[in-house]
């Protein structure tokens, strides 16, 4: 697939895809003889993985380290540790979000109560 096709498929700009590759967030994308990127199935899986992880707030530095270890086919324990660390961060963030949602629900209920009393 061309970079344009991948951009459209994953709703990511071509500049972002180039940036991801340049900083090591995704492994180098295979290229045709003329140097044009040719995203294969594996490259697309990486794009999908990184998009998912970034949308959830996984740290760029952790993902770059993870990709580097994957490319070197090394560091199984460290790769696992990276994923465990990022999962723990996401769980903590989810708890903060739950607490905030509960607070918002309380405030919304409070305003609904005030509004309904005013209507009486």
Protein backbone atom coordinates (compact mmCIF):
# COMPACT_ATOMS: atom_id res chain seq x y z
CA UNK A 1 0.00 0.00 0.00
CA UNK A 2 1.13 3.53 -0.62
CA UNK A 3 1.57 5.99 2.21
CA UNK A 4 -1.57 7.77 0.97
CA UNK A 5 -3.61 4.59 1.15
CA UNK A 6 -2.33 3.82 4.65
CA UNK A 7 -3.00 7.41 5.68
CA UNK A 8 -6.60 7.09 4.55
CA UNK A 9 -7.08 3.59 5.97
CA UNK A 10 -5.88 4.55 9.46
CA UNK A 11 -6.96 8.21 9.39
CA UNK A 12 -3.41 9.42 10.02
CA UNK A 13 -1.68 12.10 7.99
CA UNK A 14 1.19 11.12 5.73
CA UNK A 15 3.41 13.49 7.71
CA UNK A 16 2.54 11.61 10.90
CA UNK A 17 3.36 8.28 9.27
CA UNK A 18 6.73 9.61 8.13
CA UNK A 19 7.36 11.01 11.62
CA UNK A 20 6.48 7.68 13.27
CA UNK A 21 9.00 5.95 11.05
CA UNK A 22 11.68 8.63 11.49
CA UNK A 23 11.60 8.50 15.32
CA UNK A 24 11.38 4.70 15.46
CA UNK A 25 7.78 4.48 16.59
CA UNK A 26 7.23 2.01 13.76
CA UNK A 27 9.94 -0.09 12.14
CA UNK A 28 11.30 1.05 8.79
CA UNK A 29 8.70 0.56 6.09
CA UNK A 30 9.72 -1.56 3.09
CA UNK A 31 10.40 0.47 -0.02
CA UNK A 32 10.09 -0.17 -3.72
CA UNK A 33 13.15 0.04 -5.95
CA UNK A 34 12.36 3.68 -6.61
CA UNK A 35 12.42 4.44 -2.86
CA UNK A 36 8.67 4.85 -2.44
CA UNK A 37 7.29 3.38 0.79
CA UNK A 38 5.37 0.16 0.22
CA UNK A 39 3.40 -0.67 3.37
CA UNK A 40 2.95 -4.41 3.64
CA UNK A 41 0.65 -6.24 6.06
CA UNK A 42 3.25 -6.19 8.83
CA UNK A 43 3.86 -2.44 8.47
CA UNK A 44 0.11 -1.84 8.59
CA UNK A 45 -0.15 -3.93 11.78
CA UNK A 46 2.52 -1.71 13.34
CA UNK A 47 0.64 1.43 12.33
CA UNK A 48 -2.57 0.01 13.80
CA UNK A 49 -0.78 -1.00 17.02
CA UNK A 50 0.88 2.38 17.48
CA UNK A 51 -2.32 4.28 16.70
CA UNK A 52 -4.18 2.24 19.31
CA UNK A 53 -1.46 2.65 21.93
CA UNK A 54 -1.08 6.40 21.33
CA UNK A 55 -4.85 6.95 21.43
CA UNK A 56 -4.84 5.33 24.87
CA UNK A 57 -1.97 7.53 26.03
CA UNK A 58 0.88 5.03 25.99
CA UNK A 59 4.17 6.92 26.20
CA UNK A 60 6.05 7.49 22.95
CA UNK A 61 9.40 6.70 24.59
CA UNK A 62 8.13 3.34 25.81
CA UNK A 63 6.82 2.47 22.35
CA UNK A 64 10.08 3.48 20.69
CA UNK A 65 12.03 1.26 23.08
CA UNK A 66 9.57 -1.58 22.49
CA UNK A 67 9.90 -1.29 18.70
CA UNK A 68 13.71 -1.17 18.92
CA UNK A 69 13.73 -4.33 21.01
CA UNK A 70 11.35 -6.03 18.57
CA UNK A 71 13.58 -5.12 15.62
CA UNK A 72 16.63 -6.51 17.41
CA UNK A 73 14.61 -9.61 18.26
CA UNK A 74 15.92 -9.19 21.79
CA UNK A 75 14.84 -8.33 25.29
CA UNK A 76 11.78 -10.51 25.76
CA UNK A 77 11.65 -9.70 29.48
CA UNK A 78 12.12 -5.98 28.86
CA UNK A 79 9.43 -5.96 26.16
CA UNK A 80 7.06 -7.63 28.57
CA UNK A 81 8.03 -5.16 31.32
CA UNK A 82 7.33 -2.21 29.03
CA UNK A 83 3.86 -3.52 28.32
CA UNK A 84 3.20 -4.20 32.01
CA UNK A 85 4.38 -0.70 32.99
CA UNK A 86 2.23 0.97 30.36
CA UNK A 87 -0.77 -1.15 31.33
CA UNK A 88 -0.36 -0.08 34.96
CA UNK A 89 -0.23 3.58 33.88
CA UNK A 90 -3.42 3.15 31.86
CA UNK A 91 -5.20 1.47 34.77
CA UNK A 92 -4.23 4.39 37.00
CA UNK A 93 -5.46 6.87 34.39
CA UNK A 94 -8.72 4.93 34.06
CA UNK A 95 -9.24 5.18 37.81
CA UNK A 96 -8.69 8.94 37.67
CA UNK A 97 -11.21 9.14 34.84
CA UNK A 98 -13.76 7.09 36.81
CA UNK A 99 -13.35 9.41 39.80
CA UNK A 100 -13.78 12.48 37.61
CA UNK A 101 -16.87 11.02 35.94
CA UNK A 102 -18.39 10.29 39.36
CA UNK A 103 -17.75 13.89 40.39
CA UNK A 104 -19.29 15.19 37.20
CA UNK A 105 -22.33 12.94 37.69
CA UNK A 106 -22.74 14.31 41.22
CA UNK A 107 -22.53 17.91 39.98
CA UNK A 108 -24.94 17.24 37.11
CA UNK A 109 -27.43 15.65 39.54
CA UNK A 110 -27.03 18.67 41.82
CA UNK A 111 -27.86 21.07 38.99
CA UNK A 112 -30.78 18.95 37.84
CA UNK A 113 -32.12 19.10 41.38
CA UNK A 114 -31.68 22.89 41.55
CA UNK A 115 -33.32 23.38 38.16
CA UNK A 116 -36.28 21.16 39.06
CA UNK A 117 -36.77 23.07 42.35
CA UNK A 118 -36.76 26.38 40.50
CA UNK A 119 -39.44 25.10 38.20
CA UNK A 120 -41.78 24.46 41.13
